[in-house]
C-alpha atoms as a PDB file:
ATOM      1  CA  MET A   1       9.079  15.072  16.419  1.00  0.00           C
ATOM      2  CA  ALA A   2       8.994  11.525  15.103  1.00  0.00           C
ATOM      3  CA  SER A   3      12.138  10.377  13.375  1.00  0.00           C
ATOM      4  CA  LYS A   4      12.093   9.978   9.615  1.00  0.00           C
ATOM      5  CA  SER A   5      13.164   6.641   8.209  1.00  0.00           C
ATOM      6  CA  SER A   6      14.427   5.846   4.764  1.00  0.00           C
ATOM      7  CA  SER A   7      14.281   2.158   5.580  1.00  0.00           C
ATOM      8  CA  ALA A   8      10.780   0.812   5.540  1.00  0.00           C
ATOM      9  CA  THR A   9      11.350  -2.812   6.407  1.00  0.00           C
ATOM     10  CA  SER A  10       8.732  -2.696   9.144  1.00  0.00           C
ATOM     11  CA  THR A  11       6.080  -1.399   6.751  1.00  0.00           C
ATOM     12  CA  ALA A  12       5.735  -4.450   4.530  1.00  0.00           C
ATOM     13  CA  ILE A  13       3.399  -6.547   6.592  1.00  0.00           C
ATOM     14  CA  MET A  14       2.524  -9.431   4.298  1.00  0.00           C
ATOM     15  CA  GLU A  15      -0.303 -11.959   4.384  1.00  0.00           C
ATOM     16  CA  HIS A  16       0.104 -15.186   6.308  1.00  0.00           C
ATOM     17  CA  ASP A  17      -3.134 -17.107   5.828  1.00  0.00           C
ATOM     18  CA  VAL A  18      -3.827 -17.004   2.101  1.00  0.00           C
ATOM     19  CA  LYS A  19      -0.978 -16.927  -0.407  1.00  0.00           C
ATOM     20  CA  THR A  20      -1.083 -14.181  -3.025  1.00  0.00           C
ATOM     21  CA  ASP A  21      -0.176 -15.737  -6.376  1.00  0.00           C
ATOM     22  CA  ILE A  22      -0.395 -12.967  -8.982  1.00  0.00           C
ATOM     23  CA  GLY A  23       2.784 -13.511 -10.970  1.00  0.00           C
ATOM     24  CA  VAL A  24       4.982 -11.209  -8.889  1.00  0.00           C
ATOM     25  CA  LYS A  25       7.685 -12.862  -6.777  1.00  0.00           C
ATOM     26  CA  ASP A  26       7.206 -12.720  -3.009  1.00  0.00           C
ATOM     27  CA  ASP A  27      10.357 -10.690  -2.338  1.00  0.00           C
ATOM     28  CA  ALA A  28       9.343  -8.229  -5.083  1.00  0.00           C
ATOM     29  CA  ARG A  29       5.842  -7.901  -3.634  1.00  0.00           C
ATOM     30  CA  LYS A  30       7.330  -7.145  -0.216  1.00  0.00           C
ATOM     31  CA  LYS A  31       9.539  -4.385  -1.663  1.00  0.00           C
ATOM     32  CA  LEU A  32       6.591  -2.963  -3.594  1.00  0.00           C
ATOM     33  CA  VAL A  33       4.390  -2.928  -0.491  1.00  0.00           C
ATOM     34  CA  GLU A  34       7.166  -1.093   1.374  1.00  0.00           C
ATOM     35  CA  MET A  35       7.341   1.521  -1.404  1.00  0.00           C
ATOM     36  CA  LEU A  36       3.570   1.882  -1.463  1.00  0.00           C
ATOM     37  CA  ASN A  37       3.438   2.356   2.289  1.00  0.00           C
ATOM     38  CA  MET A  38       6.082   5.089   2.085  1.00  0.00           C
ATOM     39  CA  ARG A  39       4.044   6.846  -0.598  1.00  0.00           C
ATOM     40  CA  LEU A  40       0.911   6.371   1.504  1.00  0.00           C
ATOM     41  CA  CYS A  41       2.662   8.205   4.329  1.00  0.00           C
ATOM     42  CA  ASP A  42       3.745  11.032   2.023  1.00  0.00           C
ATOM     43  CA  GLU A  43       0.272  11.385   0.544  1.00  0.00           C
ATOM     44  CA  TYR A  44      -1.419  11.409   3.938  1.00  0.00           C
ATOM     45  CA  VAL A  45       0.896  14.038   5.399  1.00  0.00           C
ATOM     46  CA  LEU A  46       0.493  16.187   2.271  1.00  0.00           C
ATOM     47  CA  TYR A  47      -3.285  15.683   2.436  1.00  0.00           C
ATOM     48  CA  THR A  48      -3.293  16.862   6.057  1.00  0.00           C
ATOM     49  CA  LYS A  49      -1.036  19.836   5.306  1.00  0.00           C
ATOM     50  CA  THR A  50      -3.230  20.879   2.361  1.00  0.00           C
ATOM     51  CA  ARG A  51      -6.336  20.561   4.530  1.00  0.00           C
ATOM     52  CA  LYS A  52      -4.696  22.694   7.241  1.00  0.00           C
ATOM     53  CA  TYR A  53      -3.934  25.373   4.657  1.00  0.00           C
ATOM     54  CA  HIS A  54      -7.536  25.175   3.395  1.00  0.00           C
ATOM     55  CA  TRP A  55      -8.755  25.889   6.929  1.00  0.00           C
ATOM     56  CA  ASN A  56      -6.240  28.631   7.716  1.00  0.00           C
ATOM     57  CA  VAL A  57      -5.725  30.617   4.506  1.00  0.00           C
ATOM     58  CA  ILE A  58      -6.501  34.325   4.847  1.00  0.00           C
ATOM     59  CA  GLY A  59      -6.232  37.401   2.686  1.00  0.00           C
ATOM     60  CA  PRO A  60      -7.788  38.917  -0.406  1.00  0.00           C
ATOM     61  CA  ARG A  61      -7.754  35.588  -2.283  1.00  0.00           C
ATOM     62  CA  PHE A  62      -9.307  33.687   0.626  1.00  0.00           C
ATOM     63  CA  HIS A  63     -12.286  32.251  -1.244  1.00  0.00           C
ATOM     64  CA  GLN A  64     -10.294  31.328  -4.355  1.00  0.00           C
ATOM     65  CA  LEU A  65      -7.517  29.614  -2.367  1.00  0.00           C
ATOM     66  CA  HIS A  66      -9.928  28.020   0.103  1.00  0.00           C
ATOM     67  CA  GLU A  67     -11.661  26.287  -2.834  1.00  0.00           C
ATOM     68  CA  PHE A  68      -8.365  25.582  -4.624  1.00  0.00           C
ATOM     69  CA  PHE A  69      -6.876  23.828  -1.580  1.00  0.00           C
ATOM     70  CA  LYS A  70     -10.134  21.874  -1.181  1.00  0.00           C
ATOM     71  CA  ALA A  71      -9.877  20.590  -4.765  1.00  0.00           C
ATOM     72  CA  GLN A  72      -6.279  19.524  -4.114  1.00  0.00           C
ATOM     73  CA  TYR A  73      -6.952  17.732  -0.828  1.00  0.00           C
ATOM     74  CA  GLU A  74      -9.894  15.885  -2.413  1.00  0.00           C
ATOM     75  CA  ILE A  75      -7.540  14.505  -5.076  1.00  0.00           C
ATOM     76  CA  LEU A  76      -5.032  13.543  -2.373  1.00  0.00           C
ATOM     77  CA  ASP A  77      -7.763  11.853  -0.329  1.00  0.00           C
ATOM     78  CA  GLU A  78      -8.607   9.667  -3.312  1.00  0.00           C
ATOM     79  CA  MET A  79      -4.939   8.879  -3.892  1.00  0.00           C
ATOM     80  CA  VAL A  80      -4.466   7.845  -0.253  1.00  0.00           C
ATOM     81  CA  ASP A  81      -7.203   5.256  -0.666  1.00  0.00           C
ATOM     82  CA  GLU A  82      -5.863   4.015  -4.016  1.00  0.00           C
ATOM     83  CA  ILE A  83      -2.338   3.534  -2.648  1.00  0.00           C
ATOM     84  CA  ALA A  84      -3.537   1.691   0.451  1.00  0.00           C
ATOM     85  CA  GLU A  85      -5.669  -0.592  -1.709  1.00  0.00           C
ATOM     86  CA  ARG A  86      -2.780  -1.240  -4.141  1.00  0.00           C
ATOM     87  CA  ALA A  87      -0.669  -2.485  -1.219  1.00  0.00           C
ATOM     88  CA  ARG A  88      -3.531  -4.798  -0.244  1.00  0.00           C
ATOM     89  CA  GLN A  89      -3.837  -6.074  -3.836  1.00  0.00           C
ATOM     90  CA  LEU A  90      -0.197  -7.141  -3.628  1.00  0.00           C
ATOM     91  CA  GLY A  91      -0.900  -9.152  -0.478  1.00  0.00           C
ATOM     92  CA  GLY A  92       0.414  -6.588   1.979  1.00  0.00           C
ATOM     93  CA  LYS A  93      -1.087  -4.499   4.722  1.00  0.00           C
ATOM     94  CA  SER A  94      -1.364  -0.727   4.672  1.00  0.00           C
ATOM     95  CA  LEU A  95      -0.140   1.557   7.378  1.00  0.00           C
ATOM     96  CA  GLY A  96      -2.934   3.535   8.955  1.00  0.00           C
ATOM     97  CA  THR A  97      -1.950   5.535  12.015  1.00  0.00           C
ATOM     98  CA  LEU A  98      -0.932   9.157  12.304  1.00  0.00           C
ATOM     99  CA  ASP A  99       2.248   8.096  14.079  1.00  0.00           C
ATOM    100  CA  GLU A 100       3.226   5.838  11.149  1.00  0.00           C
ATOM    101  CA  PHE A 101       2.336   8.476   8.560  1.00  0.00           C
ATOM    102  CA  VAL A 102       4.543  11.114  10.199  1.00  0.00           C
ATOM    103  CA  ARG A 103       7.357   8.684  11.045  1.00  0.00           C
ATOM    104  CA  TYR A 104       7.804   7.405   7.481  1.00  0.00           C
ATOM    105  CA  SER A 105       6.859  10.460   5.411  1.00  0.00           C
ATOM    106  CA  SER A 106       9.432  12.500   3.534  1.00  0.00           C
ATOM    107  CA  ILE A 107       7.037  15.460   3.762  1.00  0.00           C
ATOM    108  CA  ASN A 108       7.530  17.736   6.761  1.00  0.00           C
ATOM    109  CA  GLU A 109       4.694  19.047   8.838  1.00  0.00           C
ATOM    110  CA  GLU A 110       4.817  22.533  10.303  1.00  0.00           C
ATOM    111  CA  PRO A 111       3.077  22.318  13.674  1.00  0.00           C
ATOM    112  CA  GLY A 112       2.044  25.662  15.077  1.00  0.00           C
ATOM    113  CA  ARG A 113       2.873  27.556  11.869  1.00  0.00           C
ATOM    114  CA  ASN A 114       0.331  29.210   9.605  1.00  0.00           C
ATOM    115  CA  PRO A 115       2.243  30.880   6.776  1.00  0.00           C
ATOM    116  CA  ASP A 116       0.849  33.518   4.434  1.00  0.00           C
ATOM    117  CA  ALA A 117      -1.008  32.355   1.324  1.00  0.00           C
ATOM    118  CA  GLN A 118       1.968  32.591  -1.062  1.00  0.00           C
ATOM    119  CA  THR A 119       4.162  30.607   1.322  1.00  0.00           C
ATOM    120  CA  MET A 120       1.431  27.987   1.652  1.00  0.00           C
ATOM    121  CA  ILE A 121       1.407  27.601  -2.122  1.00  0.00           C
ATOM    122  CA  SER A 122       5.233  27.477  -2.274  1.00  0.00           C
ATOM    123  CA  ASN A 123       5.360  24.860   0.489  1.00  0.00           C
ATOM    124  CA  LEU A 124       2.774  22.664  -1.235  1.00  0.00           C
ATOM    125  CA  LEU A 125       4.600  23.001  -4.562  1.00  0.00           C
ATOM    126  CA  LYS A 126       7.872  21.902  -2.947  1.00  0.00           C
ATOM    127  CA  ASP A 127       6.095  18.910  -1.386  1.00  0.00           C
ATOM    128  CA  GLN A 128       4.425  17.977  -4.681  1.00  0.00           C
ATOM    129  CA  GLU A 129       7.772  18.089  -6.476  1.00  0.00           C
ATOM    130  CA  THR A 130       9.348  15.909  -3.768  1.00  0.00           C
ATOM    131  CA  ILE A 131       6.600  13.332  -4.240  1.00  0.00           C
ATOM    132  CA  ILE A 132       6.866  13.462  -8.046  1.00  0.00           C
ATOM    133  CA  LYS A 133      10.605  12.721  -7.961  1.00  0.00           C
ATOM    134  CA  THR A 134      10.095   9.841  -5.530  1.00  0.00           C
ATOM    135  CA  LEU A 135       7.225   8.377  -7.548  1.00  0.00           C
ATOM    136  CA  ARG A 136       9.400   8.411 -10.684  1.00  0.00           C
ATOM    137  CA  LYS A 137      12.073   6.410  -8.822  1.00  0.00           C
ATOM    138  CA  ASN A 138       9.409   4.035  -7.516  1.00  0.00           C
ATOM    139  CA  ALA A 139       8.077   3.516 -11.055  1.00  0.00           C
ATOM    140  CA  ASP A 140      11.574   2.549 -12.221  1.00  0.00           C
ATOM    141  CA  GLU A 141      11.976   0.196  -9.247  1.00  0.00           C
ATOM    142  CA  ALA A 142       8.598  -1.441  -9.949  1.00  0.00           C
ATOM    143  CA  GLU A 143       9.701  -2.050 -13.534  1.00  0.00           C
ATOM    144  CA  GLU A 144      12.956  -3.608 -12.303  1.00  0.00           C
ATOM    145  CA  LEU A 145      10.868  -5.846 -10.006  1.00  0.00           C
ATOM    146  CA  GLU A 146       8.856  -6.912 -13.071  1.00  0.00           C
ATOM    147  CA  ASP A 147       5.545  -5.516 -11.870  1.00  0.00           C
ATOM    148  CA  MET A 148       4.297  -3.400 -14.725  1.00  0.00           C
ATOM    149  CA  ALA A 149       0.899  -2.894 -13.078  1.00  0.00           C
ATOM    150  CA  THR A 150       2.511  -1.149 -10.086  1.00  0.00           C
ATOM    151  CA  ASN A 151       4.855   0.679 -12.472  1.00  0.00           C
ATOM    152  CA  ASP A 152       1.775   2.001 -14.275  1.00  0.00           C
ATOM    153  CA  PHE A 153       0.132   2.813 -10.939  1.00  0.00           C
ATOM    154  CA  PHE A 154       3.121   4.956  -9.925  1.00  0.00           C
ATOM    155  CA  LEU A 155       3.223   6.676 -13.332  1.00  0.00           C
ATOM    156  CA  GLN A 156      -0.467   7.558 -13.081  1.00  0.00           C
ATOM    157  CA  ALA A 157       0.232   9.055  -9.657  1.00  0.00           C
ATOM    158  CA  VAL A 158       3.071  11.109 -11.202  1.00  0.00           C
ATOM    159  CA  GLU A 159       0.603  12.558 -13.719  1.00  0.00           C
ATOM    160  CA  LYS A 160      -1.863  13.529 -10.976  1.00  0.00           C
ATOM    161  CA  HIS A 161       0.856  15.187  -8.920  1.00  0.00           C
ATOM    162  CA  GLU A 162       2.326  16.963 -11.949  1.00  0.00           C
ATOM    163  CA  LYS A 163      -1.078  18.495 -12.645  1.00  0.00           C
ATOM    164  CA  MET A 164      -1.448  19.622  -9.024  1.00  0.00           C
ATOM    165  CA  ALA A 165       2.101  21.050  -9.100  1.00  0.00           C
ATOM    166  CA  TRP A 166       1.377  22.899 -12.339  1.00  0.00           C
ATOM    167  CA  MET A 167      -1.699  24.477 -10.765  1.00  0.00           C
ATOM    168  CA  LEU A 168       0.281  25.519  -7.688  1.00  0.00           C
ATOM    169  CA  ARG A 169       3.057  26.902  -9.874  1.00  0.00           C
ATOM    170  CA  ALA A 170       0.490  28.952 -11.852  1.00  0.00           C
ATOM    171  CA  HIS A 171      -0.474  30.701  -8.601  1.00  0.00           C
ATOM    172  CA  LEU A 172       3.156  31.742  -8.091  1.00  0.00           C
ATOM    173  CA  GLU A 173       3.901  32.971 -11.613  1.00  0.00           C
ATOM    174  CA  GLY A 174       3.275  36.488 -12.877  1.00  0.00           C
ATOM    175  CA  LYS A 175       1.978  39.463 -10.955  1.00  0.00           C
ATOM    176  CA  ASP A 176      -0.886  39.304  -8.515  1.00  0.00           C
ATOM    177  CA  THR A 177      -3.645  41.494  -9.967  1.00  0.00           C
ATOM    178  CA  ILE A 178      -6.216  41.592  -7.224  1.00  0.00           C
END
């Protein structure tokens, strides 16, 4: 398994030809691009995990969960693109290989494992909550770096993940009445 890294210094590939002059200091932009690339990795691994669960869910709630997971991975797919483009807006490059996504993600894959439906939901909820906590820290860091646009970007991502987490949590609460 690829090693996880909390240091992302190699992920902030910045422009060389055309200077980005958007009112955010160069060192701040580099740190922001690093943060964005780490979130890109988390989002992509969670996207892939959600898609895997969509393909492999079984049981009496198959159709409901198959569609539910599809709705979630479609949101994640959109977020992946938005995060990659935000890094580009700041003058950085976005990571884009499976090796990079797994190496830098804080979300764990489960190769070879296909848990039952309730465990799938629990796993995705745990991953969503991990991402939410990290995004909140990133929003604070973006504010400290005086980039309120990226701060707002992270806060909007928190809202999207909180909604997905709430929906996952709703599947775990109460009695199953099928």
